[in-house]
Amino acid sequence: MSAFARRDGVLHAESVSLIDIARQFGTPCWVYSRQALEAALEEFQRELLGFDALVCYAVKANSNLAVLDVFARRGAGFDIVSGGELRRVLAAGANPQQIVFSGVGKSTAEMELALTTGILCFNVESAAELERLDMVARGLGKTAPVSLRVNPDVDAGTHPYISTGLKENKFGVAYQDARALYRQAARLPNLRVTGIDCHIGSQLLDPAPFAEALDKILALLDELAADGIVLHHIDLGGGLGIRYRDEEPPTVHAYLQPMLEKIGQRRLQILVEPGRRLVGNAGVLLTRVEYLKTGDAKNFAIVDAAMNDLARPALYGSWHDIVPVVSGPATSIPWEIVGPVCESGDFLGRGRELALADGDLLAILSAGAYGMVMSSNYNSRPRAAEVMVDGSAVHLVRRREEIEELYALERRLP
């Protein structure tokens, strides 16, 4: 059952009307459902029962402290890609031994912070990073647990901007170089080789590329064992897609079961790193129609949300369903749903058949992932408020920015 459903024609988040949320917190406003977050995490955890397994939420998808807190309370680990994300998950109550650190550009300061914190593992993505991590660990008198993110050169069949497993992508270690690099890692005195990691892309709708990548990773794992390098965990990455429009994403069972069967009786801890799948359909962006502008070529509905709030349509050409908060009988016509930002690319939806009037509330669906985290202050627009609905309770989990805060760090010339 969806956490966002209509009651008497009005869209609700769990038991709370989106009209009431707009009245209390204004628009634009991000609205998340705790019920949807917990249900999505539980689907993964249920499939992994009986295995030594850990679900590490990919923080980049939505890093609000309340979202992280919900997952930490339910036993999730975290996949981070920066020192800032590390500090966030710690502030949200994460167990350091359930944190994996990914990313191609870890700085020395970030390595030091993670080593001091005592995280589970560094997912190393280059030979140069391996050498630096050994040096940093030596300086601190510590041993860094490492896994190599191996790029299997598998086509994930997704948007090129979110494909990460091909040899031309910047991510990971080339498959043909991985065995030699593992040998190098095993020789470095301040590294402890613990695992292997693979992530091929995002918004994937076919389980086949996951299975193809895993076959190559398991073959490499056997080669490493022959070299005397015995790994303790395998990180299957994330990337499982969600429904935005008419997609039919696989169930978590259909995604995981073929891979669990391939792993078989190997004595390995299993890590997975879902992001979008846990939060994407757990959030909406609430916005209000400011002006309606009709014309011979197109009809424009100018709303108070914009590309600085939700960048995905302008950045990727992504589709998000856009629905009226209050359904009505009026006749629908096609509208361009656009924001006030001074860019022709400032659109949230194109050619949407809607019945609209000035002041109408709209909900932009499936906006819980890569929404607020990618927002900006372009045109000196304050970032929107975020609220979390928990049954009939509504919690403000990030207040709306004030305009004065946007230039608070700046100074005029003397």
Protein backbone atom coordinates (compact mmCIF):
# COMPACT_ATOMS: atom_id res chain seq x y z
CA MET A 1 0.00 0.00 0.00
CA SER A 2 1.38 3.41 -0.97
CA ALA A 3 2.14 5.86 1.82
CA PHE A 4 0.77 8.59 -0.48
CA ALA A 5 -2.91 7.96 -1.22
CA ARG A 6 -6.14 9.90 -1.65
CA ARG A 7 -8.85 10.28 0.95
CA ASP A 8 -12.04 11.97 -0.26
CA GLY A 9 -10.15 13.25 -3.28
CA VAL A 10 -7.28 14.79 -1.26
CA LEU A 11 -3.75 13.40 -1.42
CA HIS A 12 -2.38 12.39 1.97
CA ALA A 13 1.01 11.41 3.31
CA GLU A 14 0.08 8.50 5.58
CA SER A 15 -2.72 10.04 7.70
CA VAL A 16 -1.90 13.70 7.02
CA SER A 17 -3.43 15.84 4.27
CA LEU A 18 -0.92 17.55 2.00
CA ILE A 19 -3.20 20.60 2.16
CA ASP A 20 -2.52 20.80 5.90
CA ILE A 21 1.22 20.37 5.35
CA ALA A 22 1.27 23.20 2.79
CA ARG A 23 -0.75 25.41 5.15
CA GLN A 24 1.61 24.77 8.07
CA PHE A 25 4.99 24.72 6.34
CA GLY A 26 4.47 26.56 3.05
CA THR A 27 5.63 25.57 -0.42
CA PRO A 28 7.76 24.30 -1.97
CA CYS A 29 8.16 21.59 0.64
CA TRP A 30 9.65 18.11 0.68
CA VAL A 31 7.42 15.51 2.37
CA TYR A 32 8.72 12.08 3.44
CA SER A 33 6.88 9.06 4.81
CA ARG A 34 8.49 7.17 7.67
CA GLN A 35 6.25 4.19 6.90
CA ALA A 36 7.53 4.01 3.33
CA LEU A 37 11.17 4.29 4.42
CA GLU A 38 10.85 1.49 6.95
CA ALA A 39 8.92 -0.77 4.57
CA ALA A 40 11.56 -0.38 1.85
CA LEU A 41 14.41 -1.24 4.23
CA GLU A 42 12.49 -4.18 5.67
CA GLU A 43 12.06 -5.67 2.18
CA PHE A 44 15.85 -5.97 1.86
CA GLN A 45 16.38 -7.18 5.40
CA ARG A 46 13.68 -9.84 5.02
CA GLU A 47 15.32 -11.26 1.87
CA LEU A 48 18.68 -11.44 3.65
CA LEU A 49 17.45 -13.25 6.76
CA GLY A 50 19.63 -16.25 7.52
CA PHE A 51 22.69 -14.68 5.86
CA ASP A 52 25.54 -12.77 7.42
CA ALA A 53 24.42 -9.61 5.69
CA LEU A 54 24.26 -5.85 6.10
CA VAL A 55 22.12 -3.32 4.22
CA CYS A 56 24.23 -0.16 3.83
CA TYR A 57 22.00 2.73 2.78
CA ALA A 58 23.64 4.92 0.09
CA VAL A 59 23.54 8.28 1.86
CA LYS A 60 23.97 10.32 -1.33
CA ALA A 61 20.35 9.57 -2.30
CA ASN A 62 18.90 11.53 0.63
CA SER A 63 21.05 12.63 3.55
CA ASN A 64 18.51 14.31 5.83
CA LEU A 65 19.31 13.43 9.46
CA ALA A 66 15.77 12.22 10.09
CA VAL A 67 15.97 9.80 7.15
CA LEU A 68 19.32 8.52 8.40
CA ASP A 69 17.92 8.22 11.92
CA VAL A 70 15.01 6.06 10.71
CA PHE A 71 17.42 3.66 9.03
CA ALA A 72 19.94 3.62 11.91
CA ARG A 73 17.17 2.70 14.36
CA ARG A 74 16.26 -0.25 12.12
CA GLY A 75 19.78 -1.64 12.04
CA ALA A 76 20.96 -0.36 8.67
CA GLY A 77 24.55 0.42 7.83
CA PHE A 78 25.59 3.29 5.59
CA ASP A 79 27.51 3.76 2.33
CA ILE A 80 29.16 7.19 2.31
CA VAL A 81 31.20 9.10 -0.28
CA SER A 82 32.56 12.07 1.70
CA GLY A 83 33.70 13.24 5.09
CA GLY A 84 30.55 15.33 5.30
CA GLU A 85 28.39 12.25 4.85
CA LEU A 86 30.45 10.46 7.51
CA ARG A 87 29.78 13.25 10.00
CA ARG A 88 26.09 13.17 9.09
CA VAL A 89 25.63 9.46 9.71
CA LEU A 90 27.52 9.67 12.99
CA ALA A 91 25.28 12.56 14.05
CA ALA A 92 22.29 10.36 13.19
CA GLY A 93 23.50 7.59 15.49
CA ALA A 94 25.19 5.24 13.03
CA ASN A 95 27.43 2.43 14.26
CA PRO A 96 30.92 3.16 12.80
CA GLN A 97 31.44 -0.57 12.22
CA GLN A 98 28.50 -0.49 9.80
CA ILE A 99 29.90 2.27 7.56
CA VAL A 100 31.62 1.72 4.21
CA PHE A 101 33.44 4.62 2.53
CA SER A 102 33.16 4.73 -1.28
CA GLY A 103 34.10 7.47 -3.75
CA VAL A 104 36.92 8.17 -6.19
CA GLY A 105 38.43 11.24 -4.53
CA LYS A 106 38.87 10.67 -0.79
CA SER A 107 41.10 13.37 0.67
CA THR A 108 43.78 12.82 3.29
CA ALA A 109 41.62 14.59 5.89
CA GLU A 110 38.67 12.36 5.04
CA MET A 111 40.81 9.24 5.36
CA GLU A 112 42.08 10.42 8.75
CA LEU A 113 38.55 11.08 9.99
CA ALA A 114 37.32 7.66 8.84
CA LEU A 115 40.32 5.84 10.34
CA THR A 116 39.90 7.64 13.65
CA THR A 117 36.19 6.83 13.62
CA GLY A 118 36.88 3.13 13.01
CA ILE A 119 34.68 2.43 9.98
CA LEU A 120 34.00 -1.04 8.58
CA CYS A 121 35.80 -0.62 5.26
CA PHE A 122 37.23 1.70 2.63
CA ASN A 123 36.06 0.90 -0.90
CA VAL A 124 39.26 1.86 -2.74
CA GLU A 125 38.94 2.96 -6.38
CA SER A 126 42.51 3.40 -7.66
CA ALA A 127 46.13 2.37 -7.13
CA ALA A 128 47.00 5.93 -6.11
CA GLU A 129 44.29 5.91 -3.44
CA LEU A 130 45.60 2.60 -2.13
CA GLU A 131 49.09 4.06 -1.65
CA ARG A 132 47.78 7.20 0.02
CA LEU A 133 45.53 5.27 2.40
CA ASP A 134 48.48 3.11 3.49
CA MET A 135 50.54 6.25 4.13
CA VAL A 136 47.76 7.96 6.10
CA ALA A 137 47.10 4.84 8.18
CA ARG A 138 50.83 4.54 8.91
CA GLY A 139 50.91 8.14 10.12
CA LEU A 140 48.09 7.41 12.56
CA GLY A 141 49.51 4.08 13.66
CA LYS A 142 46.44 2.29 12.36
CA THR A 143 45.56 -0.45 9.89
CA ALA A 144 42.96 0.45 7.26
CA PRO A 145 40.40 -2.21 6.25
CA VAL A 146 40.09 -2.14 2.47
CA SER A 147 38.01 -3.50 -0.35
CA LEU A 148 38.66 -2.76 -4.01
CA ARG A 149 35.76 -1.49 -6.06
CA VAL A 150 36.18 -3.57 -9.19
CA ASN A 151 34.75 -2.28 -12.45
CA PRO A 152 33.44 -5.37 -14.30
CA ASP A 153 32.86 -3.56 -17.64
CA VAL A 154 29.17 -4.53 -17.67
CA ASP A 155 26.58 -2.39 -19.46
CA ALA A 156 23.87 -1.62 -16.91
CA GLY A 157 21.48 -0.31 -19.57
CA THR A 158 20.75 2.93 -17.75
CA HIS A 159 21.23 6.67 -18.41
CA PRO A 160 24.91 7.31 -19.28
CA TYR A 161 25.22 9.86 -16.47
CA ILE A 162 24.38 7.19 -13.86
CA SER A 163 26.14 4.23 -15.43
CA THR A 164 29.24 3.37 -13.40
CA GLY A 165 30.35 -0.13 -14.43
CA LEU A 166 31.81 0.38 -17.91
CA LYS A 167 35.54 0.64 -18.52
CA GLU A 168 35.18 4.24 -19.72
CA ASN A 169 33.58 5.32 -16.42
CA LYS A 170 35.67 7.04 -13.75
CA PHE A 171 34.64 4.62 -11.03
CA GLY A 172 36.48 1.60 -9.69
CA VAL A 173 39.52 -0.44 -10.64
CA ALA A 174 39.65 -2.02 -14.11
CA TYR A 175 38.78 -5.69 -13.93
CA GLN A 176 41.98 -6.77 -15.68
CA ASP A 177 44.09 -4.79 -13.18
CA ALA A 178 42.30 -5.87 -10.01
CA ARG A 179 44.21 -9.08 -9.26
CA ALA A 180 47.60 -7.37 -9.35
CA LEU A 181 46.27 -4.48 -7.27
CA TYR A 182 44.97 -6.88 -4.62
CA ARG A 183 48.45 -8.41 -4.43
CA GLN A 184 49.87 -4.92 -3.96
CA ALA A 185 47.32 -4.15 -1.24
CA ALA A 186 48.16 -7.38 0.58
CA ARG A 187 51.84 -6.32 0.70
CA LEU A 188 51.21 -2.84 2.12
CA PRO A 189 51.81 -2.99 5.89
CA ASN A 190 49.06 -0.66 7.05
CA LEU A 191 46.25 -2.14 4.98
CA ARG A 192 44.09 -5.14 5.76
CA VAL A 193 42.37 -6.62 2.72
CA THR A 194 38.85 -7.57 3.77
CA GLY A 195 36.50 -7.54 0.79
CA ILE A 196 35.54 -6.86 -2.79
CA ASP A 197 33.03 -4.32 -4.08
CA CYS A 198 31.12 -3.83 -7.33
CA HIS A 199 28.57 -1.17 -8.36
CA ILE A 200 27.48 -0.89 -11.99
CA GLY A 201 24.98 1.98 -12.04
CA SER A 202 21.73 3.46 -10.83
CA GLN A 203 18.02 3.12 -11.66
CA LEU A 204 18.53 -0.42 -13.03
CA LEU A 205 15.39 -2.30 -14.02
CA ASP A 206 16.82 -5.62 -15.20
CA PRO A 207 18.51 -8.03 -12.75
CA ALA A 208 20.59 -9.61 -15.54
CA PRO A 209 23.48 -7.08 -15.48
CA PHE A 210 23.82 -7.56 -11.70
CA ALA A 211 24.17 -11.32 -12.19
CA GLU A 212 26.62 -10.87 -15.08
CA ALA A 213 28.80 -8.59 -12.96
CA LEU A 214 28.69 -11.00 -10.03
CA ASP A 215 29.91 -13.89 -12.20
CA LYS A 216 33.03 -11.90 -13.02
CA ILE A 217 33.53 -10.83 -9.40
CA LEU A 218 33.24 -14.40 -8.12
CA ALA A 219 35.75 -15.60 -10.73
CA LEU A 220 38.18 -12.94 -9.52
CA LEU A 221 37.50 -13.91 -5.92
CA ASP A 222 38.56 -17.49 -6.73
CA GLU A 223 41.73 -16.25 -8.42
CA LEU A 224 42.56 -14.21 -5.32
CA ALA A 225 42.03 -17.24 -3.09
CA ALA A 226 44.56 -19.10 -5.24
CA ASP A 227 46.97 -16.23 -4.51
CA GLY A 228 46.39 -16.70 -0.79
CA ILE A 229 44.19 -13.59 -0.50
CA VAL A 230 41.05 -14.71 1.29
CA LEU A 231 38.27 -12.13 1.43
CA HIS A 232 35.73 -11.81 4.22
CA HIS A 233 32.94 -9.86 2.55
CA ILE A 234 31.44 -9.18 -0.85
CA ASP A 235 29.70 -5.87 -1.51
CA LEU A 236 27.07 -6.19 -4.24
CA GLY A 237 26.55 -2.44 -4.51
CA GLY A 238 23.18 -0.87 -5.18
CA GLY A 239 21.37 0.65 -8.13
CA LEU A 240 18.03 -1.18 -8.06
CA GLY A 241 15.46 1.05 -9.75
CA ILE A 242 12.01 2.32 -8.82
CA ARG A 243 8.85 3.23 -10.66
CA TYR A 244 8.76 6.85 -11.86
CA ARG A 245 6.29 6.55 -14.73
CA ASP A 246 5.43 3.14 -16.18
CA GLU A 247 8.57 1.16 -15.31
CA GLU A 248 8.21 -2.29 -13.81
CA PRO A 249 11.24 -2.59 -11.53
CA PRO A 250 12.08 -6.05 -10.22
CA THR A 251 11.17 -6.99 -6.68
CA VAL A 252 13.97 -7.15 -4.16
CA HIS A 253 13.50 -10.92 -4.17
CA ALA A 254 13.97 -11.12 -7.96
CA TYR A 255 17.06 -8.92 -7.67
CA LEU A 256 18.76 -10.64 -4.75
CA GLN A 257 17.86 -14.32 -5.08
CA PRO A 258 19.89 -15.08 -8.24
CA MET A 259 22.93 -13.45 -6.67
CA LEU A 260 22.48 -15.20 -3.34
CA GLU A 261 22.29 -18.51 -5.20
CA LYS A 262 25.52 -17.71 -7.06
CA ILE A 263 27.30 -16.90 -3.80
CA GLY A 264 26.04 -20.22 -2.47
CA GLN A 265 27.98 -21.70 0.44
CA ARG A 266 30.87 -19.27 0.29
CA ARG A 267 31.69 -18.01 3.77
CA LEU A 268 31.27 -14.33 2.99
CA GLN A 269 29.48 -11.48 4.66
CA ILE A 270 27.14 -9.92 2.08
CA LEU A 271 26.78 -6.14 1.83
CA VAL A 272 24.26 -4.30 -0.35
CA GLU A 273 24.09 -0.54 -0.90
CA PRO A 274 20.56 0.51 -1.95
CA GLY A 275 19.84 4.22 -2.12
CA ARG A 276 17.08 5.26 -4.51
CA ARG A 277 15.16 2.03 -3.84
CA LEU A 278 14.85 2.90 -0.14
CA VAL A 279 13.89 6.57 -0.43
CA GLY A 280 12.74 7.40 -3.97
CA ASN A 281 9.06 6.62 -3.59
CA ALA A 282 9.03 7.67 0.07
CA GLY A 283 9.00 11.38 -0.77
CA VAL A 284 7.16 14.03 -2.75
CA LEU A 285 7.85 17.67 -3.56
CA LEU A 286 4.85 19.83 -2.75
CA THR A 287 4.47 22.97 -4.87
CA ARG A 288 1.83 25.61 -5.64
CA VAL A 289 0.76 27.16 -8.95
CA GLU A 290 1.72 30.84 -9.04
CA TYR A 291 0.56 31.74 -12.56
CA LEU A 292 -1.08 30.10 -15.55
CA LYS A 293 0.12 31.37 -18.91
CA THR A 294 -1.71 30.05 -21.95
CA GLY A 295 -0.60 30.43 -25.54
CA ASP A 296 -0.95 29.10 -29.08
CA ALA A 297 2.18 26.93 -28.87
CA LYS A 298 2.20 25.87 -25.23
CA ASN A 299 0.49 26.42 -21.91
CA PHE A 300 2.75 27.16 -18.97
CA ALA A 301 1.95 26.50 -15.33
CA ILE A 302 4.50 28.50 -13.35
CA VAL A 303 4.92 26.94 -9.92
CA ASP A 304 6.94 27.98 -6.88
CA ALA A 305 9.30 24.98 -7.10
CA ALA A 306 12.05 25.04 -9.71
CA MET A 307 15.11 23.31 -11.12
CA ASN A 308 17.12 24.52 -8.14
CA ASP A 309 14.81 22.42 -5.95
CA LEU A 310 14.49 19.33 -8.16
CA ALA A 311 17.31 19.18 -10.70
CA ARG A 312 16.63 15.73 -12.17
CA PRO A 313 14.24 16.76 -14.99
CA ALA A 314 16.61 19.47 -16.25
CA LEU A 315 19.74 17.40 -15.66
CA TYR A 316 18.66 13.99 -16.95
CA GLY A 317 15.36 14.66 -18.70
CA SER A 318 13.83 12.59 -15.92
CA TRP A 319 10.12 11.99 -15.55
CA HIS A 320 8.28 12.54 -12.28
CA ASP A 321 4.53 12.08 -12.13
CA ILE A 322 2.86 15.38 -11.20
CA VAL A 323 -0.62 15.21 -9.71
CA PRO A 324 -3.06 17.70 -8.16
CA VAL A 325 -3.33 17.44 -4.41
CA VAL A 326 -7.10 17.91 -4.74
CA SER A 327 -8.67 15.95 -7.57
CA GLY A 328 -11.53 17.56 -9.44
CA PRO A 329 -13.82 17.16 -12.45
CA ALA A 330 -12.46 20.03 -14.55
CA THR A 331 -11.27 19.41 -18.10
CA SER A 332 -7.56 18.64 -18.52
CA ILE A 333 -5.29 20.29 -21.06
CA PRO A 334 -1.51 19.87 -21.62
CA TRP A 335 0.71 22.05 -19.42
CA GLU A 336 4.41 22.74 -19.19
CA ILE A 337 5.16 22.68 -15.45
CA VAL A 338 7.95 25.24 -15.01
CA GLY A 339 9.57 27.20 -12.22
CA PRO A 340 10.57 30.85 -11.72
CA VAL A 341 14.31 30.28 -12.32
CA CYS A 342 15.78 32.30 -15.17
CA GLU A 343 16.71 29.34 -17.41
CA SER A 344 14.83 27.83 -20.34
CA GLY A 345 15.77 24.45 -18.89
CA ASP A 346 13.83 25.19 -15.71
CA PHE A 347 11.08 22.62 -16.07
CA LEU A 348 9.65 19.94 -13.80
CA GLY A 349 7.34 18.30 -16.31
CA ARG A 350 6.40 18.73 -19.94
CA GLY A 351 3.09 18.14 -21.70
CA ARG A 352 1.23 17.10 -18.55
CA GLU A 353 -2.52 16.65 -18.92
CA LEU A 354 -3.91 18.47 -15.89
CA ALA A 355 -6.88 20.60 -14.87
CA LEU A 356 -5.28 23.60 -13.20
CA ALA A 357 -6.26 26.90 -11.58
CA ASP A 358 -4.17 29.62 -9.94
CA GLY A 359 -3.15 28.60 -6.44
CA ASP A 360 -3.60 24.86 -6.96
CA LEU A 361 -1.34 22.55 -5.01
CA LEU A 362 0.63 19.94 -6.97
CA ALA A 363 2.60 16.96 -5.75
CA ILE A 364 5.69 15.91 -7.68
CA LEU A 365 5.94 12.20 -6.94
CA SER A 366 8.88 9.83 -6.48
CA ALA A 367 11.01 12.73 -5.30
CA GLY A 368 12.60 11.21 -2.20
CA ALA A 369 15.89 10.37 -3.93
CA TYR A 370 18.32 12.86 -5.48
CA GLY A 371 15.97 15.72 -4.69
CA MET A 372 16.89 17.95 -1.79
CA VAL A 373 20.47 16.60 -1.82
CA MET A 374 20.99 18.03 -5.31
CA SER A 375 19.18 21.32 -4.71
CA SER A 376 20.95 24.68 -4.90
CA ASN A 377 20.48 28.37 -4.18
CA TYR A 378 20.57 29.44 -7.83
CA ASN A 379 18.84 32.82 -8.33
CA SER A 380 19.34 33.30 -4.55
CA ARG A 381 16.43 31.00 -3.82
CA PRO A 382 16.27 29.58 -0.28
CA ARG A 383 16.12 25.81 -0.16
CA ALA A 384 12.76 24.35 0.80
CA ALA A 385 11.63 22.90 4.11
CA GLU A 386 11.62 19.14 4.70
CA VAL A 387 9.03 17.35 6.81
CA MET A 388 8.66 13.73 7.91
CA VAL A 389 5.20 12.23 8.39
CA ASP A 390 4.85 9.44 10.94
CA GLY A 391 1.24 8.24 11.01
CA SER A 392 -0.75 11.30 12.05
CA ALA A 393 2.30 13.23 13.29
CA VAL A 394 4.29 15.68 11.19
CA HIS A 395 7.86 16.62 12.08
CA LEU A 396 9.77 19.55 10.61
CA VAL A 397 13.14 17.89 9.91
CA ARG A 398 14.74 20.84 8.11
CA ARG A 399 13.38 24.35 8.27
CA ARG A 400 13.18 26.55 5.22
CA GLU A 401 16.29 28.68 4.66
CA GLU A 402 16.13 32.44 5.22
CA ILE A 403 17.39 34.70 2.45
CA GLU A 404 19.86 36.35 4.82
CA GLU A 405 21.49 32.96 5.40
CA LEU A 406 22.36 32.71 1.71
CA TYR A 407 24.92 35.49 1.96
CA ALA A 408 25.82 35.18 5.66
CA LEU A 409 29.28 33.80 4.81
CA GLU A 410 30.02 36.55 2.29
CA ARG A 411 31.66 39.93 2.90
CA ARG A 412 31.61 43.22 1.05
CA LEU A 413 34.92 44.79 0.10
CA PRO A 414 36.42 47.18 2.67
